[in-house]
Amino acid sequence: MKIQIYGRGCPRCHDLARNAEIALRELGRDVQVQHVTDISKITEKGVMLTPALIIDDDIISEGSILAVEELKKIIESRSK
């Protein structure tokens, strides 16, 4: 599983990344959360609002800070 946070490094991006890391830890998953801050890569991916959550190259959310519980459900559903 590959999890990425797309955004320029604003506090909202850090909040989403932190929540994703907490969710992964609580699920016992050893997955690194990657940060993509390069604006050309962000626009190339088609992200319109940041922060964006990308899992396995699919845009899962844009412009939202998902809660830990929401992220856990998303991660579990993508692992099946």
Protein backbone atom coordinates (compact mmCIF):
# COMPACT_ATOMS: atom_id res chain seq x y z
CA MET A 1 0.00 0.00 0.00
CA LYS A 2 1.28 3.46 -0.92
CA ILE A 3 -0.16 6.47 0.93
CA GLN A 4 0.66 10.00 -0.13
CA ILE A 5 -0.39 13.44 1.04
CA TYR A 6 -0.38 16.05 -1.73
CA GLY A 7 -0.02 19.64 -0.60
CA ARG A 8 2.46 22.46 -0.24
CA GLY A 9 3.18 21.73 3.43
CA CYS A 10 0.52 23.83 5.10
CA PRO A 11 -0.78 23.02 8.59
CA ARG A 12 -3.81 21.24 7.07
CA CYS A 13 -1.47 18.95 5.11
CA HIS A 14 0.44 18.13 8.28
CA ASP A 15 -2.81 17.43 10.14
CA LEU A 16 -3.97 14.97 7.47
CA ALA A 17 -0.57 13.27 7.42
CA ARG A 18 -0.54 13.00 11.23
CA ASN A 19 -4.05 11.47 11.22
CA ALA A 20 -3.01 8.99 8.53
CA GLU A 21 0.06 7.99 10.54
CA ILE A 22 -2.05 7.51 13.68
CA ALA A 23 -4.58 5.41 11.75
CA LEU A 24 -1.83 3.23 10.30
CA ARG A 25 -0.22 2.79 13.72
CA GLU A 26 -3.55 1.86 15.33
CA LEU A 27 -4.18 -0.68 12.56
CA GLY A 28 -0.70 -2.12 13.02
CA ARG A 29 0.31 -1.31 9.46
CA ASP A 30 3.93 -0.62 8.58
CA VAL A 31 3.33 1.89 5.79
CA GLN A 32 5.14 5.19 5.35
CA VAL A 33 3.13 8.31 4.53
CA GLN A 34 4.84 10.20 1.73
CA HIS A 35 4.52 13.94 1.27
CA VAL A 36 4.31 15.39 -2.25
CA THR A 37 4.90 19.14 -2.17
CA ASP A 38 6.03 19.78 -5.75
CA ILE A 39 3.28 21.89 -7.34
CA SER A 40 3.93 20.43 -10.79
CA LYS A 41 3.39 16.89 -9.45
CA ILE A 42 0.27 18.03 -7.58
CA THR A 43 -1.30 19.54 -10.69
CA GLU A 44 -0.08 16.68 -12.89
CA LYS A 45 -2.00 14.27 -10.63
CA GLY A 46 -5.15 16.37 -11.14
CA VAL A 47 -5.46 17.49 -7.53
CA MET A 48 -7.61 20.62 -7.34
CA LEU A 49 -7.73 21.14 -3.55
CA THR A 50 -5.16 20.37 -0.92
CA PRO A 51 -4.56 18.53 1.21
CA ALA A 52 -5.26 15.48 -0.90
CA LEU A 53 -5.05 11.87 0.21
CA ILE A 54 -3.78 9.47 -2.45
CA ILE A 55 -3.77 5.72 -1.85
CA ASP A 56 -2.19 3.46 -4.45
CA ASP A 57 -2.33 6.32 -6.98
CA ASP A 58 -6.10 6.89 -6.50
CA ILE A 59 -7.33 10.25 -5.21
CA ILE A 60 -9.37 9.42 -2.10
CA SER A 61 -10.08 12.92 -0.81
CA GLU A 62 -9.28 16.54 -1.60
CA GLY A 63 -9.49 19.60 0.59
CA SER A 64 -10.41 17.70 3.76
CA ILE A 65 -8.68 16.67 6.93
CA LEU A 66 -10.07 13.20 7.42
CA ALA A 67 -10.44 11.99 10.99
CA VAL A 68 -8.44 9.02 12.24
CA GLU A 69 -11.51 6.77 12.34
CA GLU A 70 -12.45 7.71 8.76
CA LEU A 71 -8.92 6.95 7.62
CA LYS A 72 -8.92 3.59 9.37
CA LYS A 73 -12.10 2.59 7.53
CA ILE A 74 -10.65 3.72 4.21
CA ILE A 75 -7.36 1.90 4.76
CA GLU A 76 -9.12 -1.30 5.85
CA SER A 77 -11.44 -1.23 2.83
CA ARG A 78 -8.49 -0.71 0.46
CA SER A 79 -6.63 -3.67 1.97
CA LYS A 80 -9.21 -6.29 1.05
